Structure formats: structure tokens, C-alpha cells
Full PDB file with SEQRES, HELIX, SHEET, SSBOND, CRYST1, ORIGX, SCALE, CONECT and MASTER records, all heavy atoms in Angstrom:
SEQRES   1 A   35  ASP ASP LEU LEU ARG GLU THR VAL GLU LYS TYR ASP ILE          
SEQRES   2 A   35  ALA ASP ILE VAL ASN ILE HIS GLY LEU ILE PRO ARG ASP          
SEQRES   3 A   35  GLU VAL ILE LYS ARG GLU TRP ARG SER                          
HELIX    1 AA1 ASP A    2  LYS A   10  1                                   9    
HELIX    2 AA2 ALA A   14  ILE A   16  5                                   3    
HELIX    3 AA3 ARG A   25  ARG A   34  1                                  10    
CRYST1    1.000    1.000    1.000  90.00  90.00  90.00 P 1           1          
ORIGX1      1.000000  0.000000  0.000000        0.00000                         
ORIGX2      0.000000  1.000000  0.000000        0.00000                         
ORIGX3      0.000000  0.000000  1.000000        0.00000                         
SCALE1      1.000000  0.000000  0.000000        0.00000                         
SCALE2      0.000000  1.000000  0.000000        0.00000                         
SCALE3      0.000000  0.000000  1.000000        0.00000                         
ATOM      1  N   ASP A   1      -0.523  58.017  67.349  1.00  0.00           N  
ATOM      2  CA  ASP A   1      -2.022  57.931  67.594  1.00  0.00           C  
ATOM      3  C   ASP A   1      -2.594  56.893  66.726  1.00  0.00           C  
ATOM      4  O   ASP A   1      -2.636  57.071  65.503  1.00  0.00           O  
ATOM      5  CB  ASP A   1      -2.649  59.317  67.368  1.00  0.00           C  
ATOM      6  CG  ASP A   1      -4.005  59.447  67.973  1.00  0.00           C  
ATOM      7  OD1 ASP A   1      -4.862  58.627  67.517  1.00  0.00           O  
ATOM      8  OD2 ASP A   1      -4.260  60.258  68.779  1.00  0.00           O  
ATOM      9  N   ASP A   2      -3.109  55.852  67.295  1.00  0.00           N  
ATOM     10  CA  ASP A   2      -3.704  54.793  66.506  1.00  0.00           C  
ATOM     11  C   ASP A   2      -4.997  55.257  65.867  1.00  0.00           C  
ATOM     12  O   ASP A   2      -5.298  54.910  64.693  1.00  0.00           O  
ATOM     13  CB  ASP A   2      -4.099  53.575  67.387  1.00  0.00           C  
ATOM     14  CG  ASP A   2      -2.885  52.824  67.939  1.00  0.00           C  
ATOM     15  OD1 ASP A   2      -1.806  52.948  67.310  1.00  0.00           O  
ATOM     16  OD2 ASP A   2      -2.994  52.107  68.920  1.00  0.00           O  
ATOM     17  N   LEU A   3      -5.701  56.192  66.486  1.00  0.00           N  
ATOM     18  CA  LEU A   3      -6.942  56.704  65.884  1.00  0.00           C  
ATOM     19  C   LEU A   3      -6.583  57.520  64.631  1.00  0.00           C  
ATOM     20  O   LEU A   3      -7.338  57.485  63.691  1.00  0.00           O  
ATOM     21  CB  LEU A   3      -7.677  57.618  66.978  1.00  0.00           C  
ATOM     22  CG  LEU A   3      -9.016  58.174  66.501  1.00  0.00           C  
ATOM     23  CD1 LEU A   3      -9.983  57.033  66.124  1.00  0.00           C  
ATOM     24  CD2 LEU A   3      -9.603  59.007  67.590  1.00  0.00           C  
ATOM     25  N   LEU A   4      -5.484  58.212  64.653  1.00  0.00           N  
ATOM     26  CA  LEU A   4      -5.096  58.954  63.429  1.00  0.00           C  
ATOM     27  C   LEU A   4      -4.833  57.972  62.297  1.00  0.00           C  
ATOM     28  O   LEU A   4      -5.284  58.211  61.198  1.00  0.00           O  
ATOM     29  CB  LEU A   4      -3.780  59.772  63.720  1.00  0.00           C  
ATOM     30  CG  LEU A   4      -3.185  60.483  62.553  1.00  0.00           C  
ATOM     31  CD1 LEU A   4      -4.192  61.438  61.844  1.00  0.00           C  
ATOM     32  CD2 LEU A   4      -1.939  61.339  62.978  1.00  0.00           C  
ATOM     33  N   ARG A   5      -4.127  56.918  62.601  1.00  0.00           N  
ATOM     34  CA  ARG A   5      -3.857  55.929  61.504  1.00  0.00           C  
ATOM     35  C   ARG A   5      -5.156  55.347  60.997  1.00  0.00           C  
ATOM     36  O   ARG A   5      -5.267  55.161  59.806  1.00  0.00           O  
ATOM     37  CB  ARG A   5      -3.001  54.823  62.153  1.00  0.00           C  
ATOM     38  CG  ARG A   5      -1.563  55.374  62.567  1.00  0.00           C  
ATOM     39  CD  ARG A   5      -0.683  54.208  63.071  1.00  0.00           C  
ATOM     40  NE  ARG A   5       0.505  54.734  63.672  1.00  0.00           N  
ATOM     41  CZ  ARG A   5       1.562  55.127  62.958  1.00  0.00           C  
ATOM     42  NH1 ARG A   5       1.584  54.921  61.659  1.00  0.00           N  
ATOM     43  NH2 ARG A   5       2.674  55.620  63.543  1.00  0.00           N  
ATOM     44  N   GLU A   6      -6.119  55.063  61.926  1.00  0.00           N  
ATOM     45  CA  GLU A   6      -7.376  54.560  61.427  1.00  0.00           C  
ATOM     46  C   GLU A   6      -8.116  55.508  60.611  1.00  0.00           C  
ATOM     47  O   GLU A   6      -8.700  55.097  59.561  1.00  0.00           O  
ATOM     48  CB  GLU A   6      -8.254  54.185  62.689  1.00  0.00           C  
ATOM     49  CG  GLU A   6      -7.714  53.024  63.471  1.00  0.00           C  
ATOM     50  CD  GLU A   6      -8.442  52.844  64.805  1.00  0.00           C  
ATOM     51  OE1 GLU A   6      -9.534  53.555  64.971  1.00  0.00           O  
ATOM     52  OE2 GLU A   6      -8.079  52.041  65.579  1.00  0.00           O  
ATOM     53  N   THR A   7      -8.009  56.768  60.920  1.00  0.00           N  
ATOM     54  CA  THR A   7      -8.691  57.853  60.108  1.00  0.00           C  
ATOM     55  C   THR A   7      -8.080  57.968  58.744  1.00  0.00           C  
ATOM     56  O   THR A   7      -8.768  58.155  57.724  1.00  0.00           O  
ATOM     57  CB  THR A   7      -8.722  59.163  60.854  1.00  0.00           C  
ATOM     58  OG1 THR A   7      -9.163  59.037  62.211  1.00  0.00           O  
ATOM     59  CG2 THR A   7      -9.508  60.212  60.144  1.00  0.00           C  
ATOM     60  N   VAL A   8      -6.757  57.909  58.684  1.00  0.00           N  
ATOM     61  CA  VAL A   8      -6.060  57.917  57.396  1.00  0.00           C  
ATOM     62  C   VAL A   8      -6.457  56.780  56.489  1.00  0.00           C  
ATOM     63  O   VAL A   8      -6.758  56.981  55.348  1.00  0.00           O  
ATOM     64  CB  VAL A   8      -4.527  57.875  57.643  1.00  0.00           C  
ATOM     65  CG1 VAL A   8      -3.765  57.667  56.312  1.00  0.00           C  
ATOM     66  CG2 VAL A   8      -4.076  59.150  58.324  1.00  0.00           C  
ATOM     67  N   GLU A   9      -6.616  55.593  57.085  1.00  0.00           N  
ATOM     68  CA  GLU A   9      -6.978  54.389  56.334  1.00  0.00           C  
ATOM     69  C   GLU A   9      -8.447  54.521  55.821  1.00  0.00           C  
ATOM     70  O   GLU A   9      -8.778  54.143  54.751  1.00  0.00           O  
ATOM     71  CB  GLU A   9      -6.802  53.178  57.202  1.00  0.00           C  
ATOM     72  CG  GLU A   9      -5.363  52.806  57.463  1.00  0.00           C  
ATOM     73  CD  GLU A   9      -5.205  51.567  58.391  1.00  0.00           C  
ATOM     74  OE1 GLU A   9      -6.313  50.900  58.711  1.00  0.00           O  
ATOM     75  OE2 GLU A   9      -4.084  51.279  58.797  1.00  0.00           O  
ATOM     76  N   LYS A  10      -9.285  55.086  56.763  1.00  0.00           N  
ATOM     77  CA  LYS A  10     -10.736  55.224  56.378  1.00  0.00           C  
ATOM     78  C   LYS A  10     -10.855  56.061  55.047  1.00  0.00           C  
ATOM     79  O   LYS A  10     -11.748  55.736  54.239  1.00  0.00           O  
ATOM     80  CB  LYS A  10     -11.444  55.950  57.526  1.00  0.00           C  
ATOM     81  CG  LYS A  10     -12.876  56.293  57.300  1.00  0.00           C  
ATOM     82  CD  LYS A  10     -13.532  56.980  58.458  1.00  0.00           C  
ATOM     83  CE  LYS A  10     -14.930  57.449  58.144  1.00  0.00           C  
ATOM     84  NZ  LYS A  10     -15.582  58.123  59.261  1.00  0.00           N  
ATOM     85  N   TYR A  11     -10.006  57.081  54.923  1.00  0.00           N  
ATOM     86  CA  TYR A  11     -10.158  57.987  53.750  1.00  0.00           C  
ATOM     87  C   TYR A  11      -9.270  57.615  52.623  1.00  0.00           C  
ATOM     88  O   TYR A  11      -9.147  58.302  51.632  1.00  0.00           O  
ATOM     89  CB  TYR A  11     -10.111  59.489  54.201  1.00  0.00           C  
ATOM     90  CG  TYR A  11     -11.224  59.914  55.035  1.00  0.00           C  
ATOM     91  CD1 TYR A  11     -11.091  59.992  56.464  1.00  0.00           C  
ATOM     92  CD2 TYR A  11     -12.468  60.262  54.425  1.00  0.00           C  
ATOM     93  CE1 TYR A  11     -12.182  60.359  57.234  1.00  0.00           C  
ATOM     94  CE2 TYR A  11     -13.493  60.699  55.213  1.00  0.00           C  
ATOM     95  CZ  TYR A  11     -13.400  60.765  56.590  1.00  0.00           C  
ATOM     96  OH  TYR A  11     -14.445  61.134  57.422  1.00  0.00           O  
ATOM     97  N   ASP A  12      -8.474  56.539  52.841  1.00  0.00           N  
ATOM     98  CA  ASP A  12      -7.619  56.023  51.846  1.00  0.00           C  
ATOM     99  C   ASP A  12      -6.649  57.143  51.225  1.00  0.00           C  
ATOM    100  O   ASP A  12      -6.495  57.296  50.042  1.00  0.00           O  
ATOM    101  CB  ASP A  12      -8.452  55.457  50.659  1.00  0.00           C  
ATOM    102  CG  ASP A  12      -7.581  54.607  49.657  1.00  0.00           C  
ATOM    103  OD1 ASP A  12      -6.572  54.132  50.101  1.00  0.00           O  
ATOM    104  OD2 ASP A  12      -8.010  54.561  48.450  1.00  0.00           O  
ATOM    105  N   ILE A  13      -5.971  57.741  52.227  1.00  0.00           N  
ATOM    106  CA  ILE A  13      -5.047  58.765  51.839  1.00  0.00           C  
ATOM    107  C   ILE A  13      -3.622  58.528  52.406  1.00  0.00           C  
ATOM    108  O   ILE A  13      -2.907  59.538  52.650  1.00  0.00           O  
ATOM    109  CB  ILE A  13      -5.511  60.178  52.146  1.00  0.00           C  
ATOM    110  CG1 ILE A  13      -5.723  60.324  53.645  1.00  0.00           C  
ATOM    111  CG2 ILE A  13      -6.703  60.553  51.326  1.00  0.00           C  
ATOM    112  CD1 ILE A  13      -5.989  61.740  54.069  1.00  0.00           C  
ATOM    113  N   ALA A  14      -3.346  57.315  52.691  1.00  0.00           N  
ATOM    114  CA  ALA A  14      -2.018  57.006  53.329  1.00  0.00           C  
ATOM    115  C   ALA A  14      -0.817  57.447  52.555  1.00  0.00           C  
ATOM    116  O   ALA A  14       0.223  57.661  53.045  1.00  0.00           O  
ATOM    117  CB  ALA A  14      -1.948  55.478  53.616  1.00  0.00           C  
ATOM    118  N   ASP A  15      -0.971  57.476  51.233  1.00  0.00           N  
ATOM    119  CA  ASP A  15       0.124  57.854  50.373  1.00  0.00           C  
ATOM    120  C   ASP A  15       0.579  59.272  50.590  1.00  0.00           C  
ATOM    121  O   ASP A  15       1.809  59.623  50.262  1.00  0.00           O  
ATOM    122  CB  ASP A  15      -0.246  57.671  48.866  1.00  0.00           C  
ATOM    123  CG  ASP A  15      -0.345  56.270  48.591  1.00  0.00           C  
ATOM    124  OD1 ASP A  15       0.086  55.419  49.296  1.00  0.00           O  
ATOM    125  OD2 ASP A  15      -0.949  55.998  47.429  1.00  0.00           O  
ATOM    126  N   ILE A  16      -0.203  60.152  51.184  1.00  0.00           N  
ATOM    127  CA  ILE A  16       0.107  61.581  51.310  1.00  0.00           C  
ATOM    128  C   ILE A  16       0.274  62.005  52.749  1.00  0.00           C  
ATOM    129  O   ILE A  16       0.612  63.125  53.071  1.00  0.00           O  
ATOM    130  CB  ILE A  16      -0.876  62.494  50.577  1.00  0.00           C  
ATOM    131  CG1 ILE A  16      -2.224  62.503  51.252  1.00  0.00           C  
ATOM    132  CG2 ILE A  16      -0.956  62.199  49.111  1.00  0.00           C  
ATOM    133  CD1 ILE A  16      -3.137  63.608  50.805  1.00  0.00           C  
ATOM    134  N   VAL A  17      -0.001  61.076  53.677  1.00  0.00           N  
ATOM    135  CA  VAL A  17       0.099  61.455  55.157  1.00  0.00           C  
ATOM    136  C   VAL A  17       1.335  60.799  55.721  1.00  0.00           C  
ATOM    137  O   VAL A  17       1.535  59.585  55.622  1.00  0.00           O  
ATOM    138  CB  VAL A  17      -1.199  60.968  55.889  1.00  0.00           C  
ATOM    139  CG1 VAL A  17      -1.041  61.239  57.353  1.00  0.00           C  
ATOM    140  CG2 VAL A  17      -2.468  61.699  55.368  1.00  0.00           C  
ATOM    141  N   ASN A  18       2.079  61.602  56.410  1.00  0.00           N  
ATOM    142  CA  ASN A  18       3.269  61.141  57.179  1.00  0.00           C  
ATOM    143  C   ASN A  18       3.090  61.404  58.662  1.00  0.00           C  
ATOM    144  O   ASN A  18       2.916  62.463  59.039  1.00  0.00           O  
ATOM    145  CB  ASN A  18       4.537  61.953  56.656  1.00  0.00           C  
ATOM    146  CG  ASN A  18       4.746  61.796  55.211  1.00  0.00           C  
ATOM    147  OD1 ASN A  18       4.825  60.668  54.720  1.00  0.00           O  
ATOM    148  ND2 ASN A  18       4.923  62.922  54.538  1.00  0.00           N  
ATOM    149  N   ILE A  19       3.098  60.344  59.469  1.00  0.00           N  
ATOM    150  CA  ILE A  19       2.975  60.436  60.892  1.00  0.00           C  
ATOM    151  C   ILE A  19       4.341  60.309  61.509  1.00  0.00           C  
ATOM    152  O   ILE A  19       4.944  59.158  61.570  1.00  0.00           O  
ATOM    153  CB  ILE A  19       2.005  59.320  61.412  1.00  0.00           C  
ATOM    154  CG1 ILE A  19       0.613  59.506  60.748  1.00  0.00           C  
ATOM    155  CG2 ILE A  19       1.869  59.456  62.880  1.00  0.00           C  
ATOM    156  CD1 ILE A  19      -0.372  58.433  61.032  1.00  0.00           C  
ATOM    157  N   HIS A  20       4.885  61.367  61.959  1.00  0.00           N  
ATOM    158  CA  HIS A  20       6.282  61.417  62.390  1.00  0.00           C  
ATOM    159  C   HIS A  20       6.442  61.096  63.939  1.00  0.00           C  
ATOM    160  O   HIS A  20       7.585  60.849  64.309  1.00  0.00           O  
ATOM    161  CB  HIS A  20       6.975  62.766  62.127  1.00  0.00           C  
ATOM    162  CG  HIS A  20       6.930  63.161  60.729  1.00  0.00           C  
ATOM    163  ND1 HIS A  20       7.923  62.826  59.817  1.00  0.00           N  
ATOM    164  CD2 HIS A  20       6.006  63.882  59.993  1.00  0.00           C  
ATOM    165  CE1 HIS A  20       7.680  63.292  58.640  1.00  0.00           C  
ATOM    166  NE2 HIS A  20       6.546  63.920  58.636  1.00  0.00           N  
ATOM    167  N   GLY A  21       5.378  61.182  64.666  1.00  0.00           N  
ATOM    168  CA  GLY A  21       5.482  60.968  66.030  1.00  0.00           C  
ATOM    169  C   GLY A  21       6.164  62.118  66.754  1.00  0.00           C  
ATOM    170  O   GLY A  21       6.134  63.273  66.300  1.00  0.00           O  
ATOM    171  N   LEU A  22       6.669  61.895  67.985  1.00  0.00           N  
ATOM    172  CA  LEU A  22       7.320  63.003  68.787  1.00  0.00           C  
ATOM    173  C   LEU A  22       8.769  63.148  68.320  1.00  0.00           C  
ATOM    174  O   LEU A  22       9.567  62.188  68.281  1.00  0.00           O  
ATOM    175  CB  LEU A  22       7.233  62.639  70.184  1.00  0.00           C  
ATOM    176  CG  LEU A  22       5.879  62.719  70.818  1.00  0.00           C  
ATOM    177  CD1 LEU A  22       5.926  62.102  72.280  1.00  0.00           C  
ATOM    178  CD2 LEU A  22       5.369  64.137  70.930  1.00  0.00           C  
ATOM    179  N   ILE A  23       9.147  64.351  67.911  1.00  0.00           N  
ATOM    180  CA  ILE A  23      10.499  64.683  67.627  1.00  0.00           C  
ATOM    181  C   ILE A  23      10.851  65.939  68.374  1.00  0.00           C  
ATOM    182  O   ILE A  23       9.899  66.679  68.832  1.00  0.00           O  
ATOM    183  CB  ILE A  23      10.737  64.877  66.065  1.00  0.00           C  
ATOM    184  CG1 ILE A  23      10.062  66.105  65.582  1.00  0.00           C  
ATOM    185  CG2 ILE A  23      10.283  63.630  65.362  1.00  0.00           C  
ATOM    186  CD1 ILE A  23      10.402  66.371  64.108  1.00  0.00           C  
ATOM    187  N   PRO A  24      12.148  66.419  68.474  1.00  0.00           N  
ATOM    188  CA  PRO A  24      12.492  67.596  69.214  1.00  0.00           C  
ATOM    189  C   PRO A  24      11.722  68.776  68.694  1.00  0.00           C  
ATOM    190  O   PRO A  24      11.557  68.954  67.530  1.00  0.00           O  
ATOM    191  CB  PRO A  24      13.943  67.697  69.052  1.00  0.00           C  
ATOM    192  CG  PRO A  24      14.451  66.307  68.832  1.00  0.00           C  
ATOM    193  CD  PRO A  24      13.348  65.630  68.099  1.00  0.00           C  
ATOM    194  N   ARG A  25      11.358  69.611  69.624  1.00  0.00           N  
ATOM    195  CA  ARG A  25      10.500  70.806  69.287  1.00  0.00           C  
ATOM    196  C   ARG A  25      11.202  71.727  68.294  1.00  0.00           C  
ATOM    197  O   ARG A  25      10.480  72.286  67.374  1.00  0.00           O  
ATOM    198  CB  ARG A  25      10.138  71.575  70.554  1.00  0.00           C  
ATOM    199  CG  ARG A  25       9.264  72.825  70.267  1.00  0.00           C  
ATOM    200  CD  ARG A  25       8.681  73.390  71.545  1.00  0.00           C  
ATOM    201  NE  ARG A  25       7.958  74.615  71.208  1.00  0.00           N  
ATOM    202  CZ  ARG A  25       8.478  75.819  71.182  1.00  0.00           C  
ATOM    203  NH1 ARG A  25       9.735  75.990  71.527  1.00  0.00           N  
ATOM    204  NH2 ARG A  25       7.705  76.887  70.887  1.00  0.00           N  
ATOM    205  N   ASP A  26      12.485  71.906  68.371  1.00  0.00           N  
ATOM    206  CA  ASP A  26      13.214  72.802  67.502  1.00  0.00           C  
ATOM    207  C   ASP A  26      13.100  72.296  66.046  1.00  0.00           C  
ATOM    208  O   ASP A  26      13.000  73.003  65.140  1.00  0.00           O  
ATOM    209  CB  ASP A  26      14.717  72.888  67.866  1.00  0.00           C  
ATOM    210  CG  ASP A  26      14.923  73.694  69.154  1.00  0.00           C  
ATOM    211  OD1 ASP A  26      13.971  74.398  69.552  1.00  0.00           O  
ATOM    212  OD2 ASP A  26      16.032  73.644  69.675  1.00  0.00           O  
ATOM    213  N   GLU A  27      13.125  70.973  65.936  1.00  0.00           N  
ATOM    214  CA  GLU A  27      12.952  70.400  64.533  1.00  0.00           C  
ATOM    215  C   GLU A  27      11.545  70.520  64.001  1.00  0.00           C  
ATOM    216  O   GLU A  27      11.316  70.795  62.877  1.00  0.00           O  
ATOM    217  CB  GLU A  27      13.296  68.892  64.617  1.00  0.00           C  
ATOM    218  CG  GLU A  27      14.836  68.625  64.936  1.00  0.00           C  
ATOM    219  CD  GLU A  27      15.094  67.161  64.924  1.00  0.00           C  
ATOM    220  OE1 GLU A  27      14.424  66.345  64.185  1.00  0.00           O  
ATOM    221  OE2 GLU A  27      16.050  66.713  65.611  1.00  0.00           O  
ATOM    222  N   VAL A  28      10.544  70.401  64.892  1.00  0.00           N  
ATOM    223  CA  VAL A  28       9.141  70.658  64.501  1.00  0.00           C  
ATOM    224  C   VAL A  28       8.983  72.023  63.992  1.00  0.00           C  
ATOM    225  O   VAL A  28       8.324  72.305  63.000  1.00  0.00           O  
ATOM    226  CB  VAL A  28       8.204  70.286  65.732  1.00  0.00           C  
ATOM    227  CG1 VAL A  28       6.772  70.714  65.230  1.00  0.00           C  
ATOM    228  CG2 VAL A  28       8.285  68.889  66.063  1.00  0.00           C  
ATOM    229  N   ILE A  29       9.549  73.063  64.738  1.00  0.00           N  
ATOM    230  CA  ILE A  29       9.423  74.362  64.356  1.00  0.00           C  
ATOM    231  C   ILE A  29       9.953  74.697  62.967  1.00  0.00           C  
ATOM    232  O   ILE A  29       9.385  75.390  62.269  1.00  0.00           O  
ATOM    233  CB  ILE A  29      10.092  75.349  65.414  1.00  0.00           C  
ATOM    234  CG1 ILE A  29       9.197  75.277  66.734  1.00  0.00           C  
ATOM    235  CG2 ILE A  29      10.219  76.701  64.949  1.00  0.00           C  
ATOM    236  CD1 ILE A  29       9.826  76.010  67.809  1.00  0.00           C  
ATOM    237  N   LYS A  30      11.160  74.046  62.696  1.00  0.00           N  
ATOM    238  CA  LYS A  30      11.773  74.269  61.350  1.00  0.00           C  
ATOM    239  C   LYS A  30      10.834  73.673  60.269  1.00  0.00           C  
ATOM    240  O   LYS A  30      10.749  74.213  59.118  1.00  0.00           O  
ATOM    241  CB  LYS A  30      13.168  73.778  61.321  1.00  0.00           C  
ATOM    242  CG  LYS A  30      14.132  74.562  62.135  1.00  0.00           C  
ATOM    243  CD  LYS A  30      15.565  73.975  61.988  1.00  0.00           C  
ATOM    244  CE  LYS A  30      16.583  74.890  62.653  1.00  0.00           C  
ATOM    245  NZ  LYS A  30      16.343  75.223  64.086  1.00  0.00           N  
ATOM    246  N   ARG A  31      10.218  72.531  60.530  1.00  0.00           N  
ATOM    247  CA  ARG A  31       9.243  71.912  59.625  1.00  0.00           C  
ATOM    248  C   ARG A  31       8.048  72.835  59.431  1.00  0.00           C  
ATOM    249  O   ARG A  31       7.548  72.893  58.281  1.00  0.00           O  
ATOM    250  CB  ARG A  31       8.887  70.526  60.050  1.00  0.00           C  
ATOM    251  CG  ARG A  31       9.977  69.543  60.170  1.00  0.00           C  
ATOM    252  CD  ARG A  31      10.561  69.226  58.810  1.00  0.00           C  
ATOM    253  NE  ARG A  31       9.667  68.474  57.980  1.00  0.00           N  
ATOM    254  CZ  ARG A  31       9.560  67.160  57.866  1.00  0.00           C  
ATOM    255  NH1 ARG A  31      10.403  66.377  58.592  1.00  0.00           N  
ATOM    256  NH2 ARG A  31       8.680  66.562  57.078  1.00  0.00           N  
ATOM    257  N   GLU A  32       7.576  73.456  60.462  1.00  0.00           N  
ATOM    258  CA  GLU A  32       6.501  74.408  60.346  1.00  0.00           C  
ATOM    259  C   GLU A  32       6.900  75.582  59.397  1.00  0.00           C  
ATOM    260  O   GLU A  32       6.131  76.013  58.596  1.00  0.00           O  
ATOM    261  CB  GLU A  32       6.062  74.956  61.699  1.00  0.00           C  
ATOM    262  CG  GLU A  32       5.466  73.887  62.597  1.00  0.00           C  
ATOM    263  CD  GLU A  32       5.285  74.324  63.998  1.00  0.00           C  
ATOM    264  OE1 GLU A  32       5.777  75.424  64.394  1.00  0.00           O  
ATOM    265  OE2 GLU A  32       4.761  73.536  64.837  1.00  0.00           O  
ATOM    266  N   TRP A  33       8.128  76.105  59.607  1.00  0.00           N  
ATOM    267  CA  TRP A  33       8.572  77.193  58.830  1.00  0.00           C  
ATOM    268  C   TRP A  33       8.665  76.923  57.290  1.00  0.00           C  
ATOM    269  O   TRP A  33       8.432  77.797  56.488  1.00  0.00           O  
ATOM    270  CB  TRP A  33       9.993  77.625  59.277  1.00  0.00           C  
ATOM    271  CG  TRP A  33      10.049  78.226  60.606  1.00  0.00           C  
ATOM    272  CD1 TRP A  33       8.994  78.553  61.450  1.00  0.00           C  
ATOM    273  CD2 TRP A  33      11.186  78.719  61.371  1.00  0.00           C  
ATOM    274  NE1 TRP A  33       9.445  79.199  62.609  1.00  0.00           N  
ATOM    275  CE2 TRP A  33      10.796  79.326  62.548  1.00  0.00           C  
ATOM    276  CE3 TRP A  33      12.518  78.707  61.076  1.00  0.00           C  
ATOM    277  CZ2 TRP A  33      11.748  79.785  63.514  1.00  0.00           C  
ATOM    278  CZ3 TRP A  33      13.466  79.226  61.929  1.00  0.00           C  
ATOM    279  CH2 TRP A  33      13.003  79.748  63.139  1.00  0.00           C  
ATOM    280  N   ARG A  34       8.905  75.667  56.978  1.00  0.00           N  
ATOM    281  CA  ARG A  34       9.044  75.207  55.613  1.00  0.00           C  
ATOM    282  C   ARG A  34       7.719  74.802  54.968  1.00  0.00           C  
ATOM    283  O   ARG A  34       7.621  74.646  53.736  1.00  0.00           O  
ATOM    284  CB  ARG A  34      10.032  74.035  55.489  1.00  0.00           C  
ATOM    285  CG  ARG A  34      11.395  74.357  55.950  1.00  0.00           C  
ATOM    286  CD  ARG A  34      12.392  73.261  55.526  1.00  0.00           C  
ATOM    287  NE  ARG A  34      12.454  73.132  54.049  1.00  0.00           N  
ATOM    288  CZ  ARG A  34      12.269  72.077  53.382  1.00  0.00           C  
ATOM    289  NH1 ARG A  34      12.009  70.921  53.988  1.00  0.00           N  
ATOM    290  NH2 ARG A  34      12.380  72.024  52.048  1.00  0.00           N  
ATOM    291  N   SER A  35       6.663  74.714  55.786  1.00  0.00           N  
ATOM    292  CA  SER A  35       5.423  74.170  55.297  1.00  0.00           C  
ATOM    293  C   SER A  35       4.615  75.235  54.467  1.00  0.00           C  
ATOM    294  O   SER A  35       4.650  76.424  54.773  1.00  0.00           O  
ATOM    295  CB  SER A  35       4.552  73.719  56.521  1.00  0.00           C  
ATOM    296  OG  SER A  35       3.415  73.053  56.033  1.00  0.00           O  
TER     297      SER A  35                                                      
MASTER        0    0    0    3    0    0    0    6  296    1    0    3          
END                                                                             
């Protein structure tokens, strides 16, 4: 999402934001479990 990238830049927090894009749902779920 380009708008997401623009919002990250607006608030100058690019160092802590990771934009992973689309990855398999099973992997996303495991990342949710660890969050």
C-alpha cells in the first residue's frame, strides 16, 4: 500500500515499521501468535 508508506514517512517512524506485503495466511497467523 503506497498510502501506508506515505503515512509511515509522514510520522517519521520508518525505523520501526515493517511492511511485509502478502504472504501465506498460515505464516501470518504464526506471526500473530508471536506478537
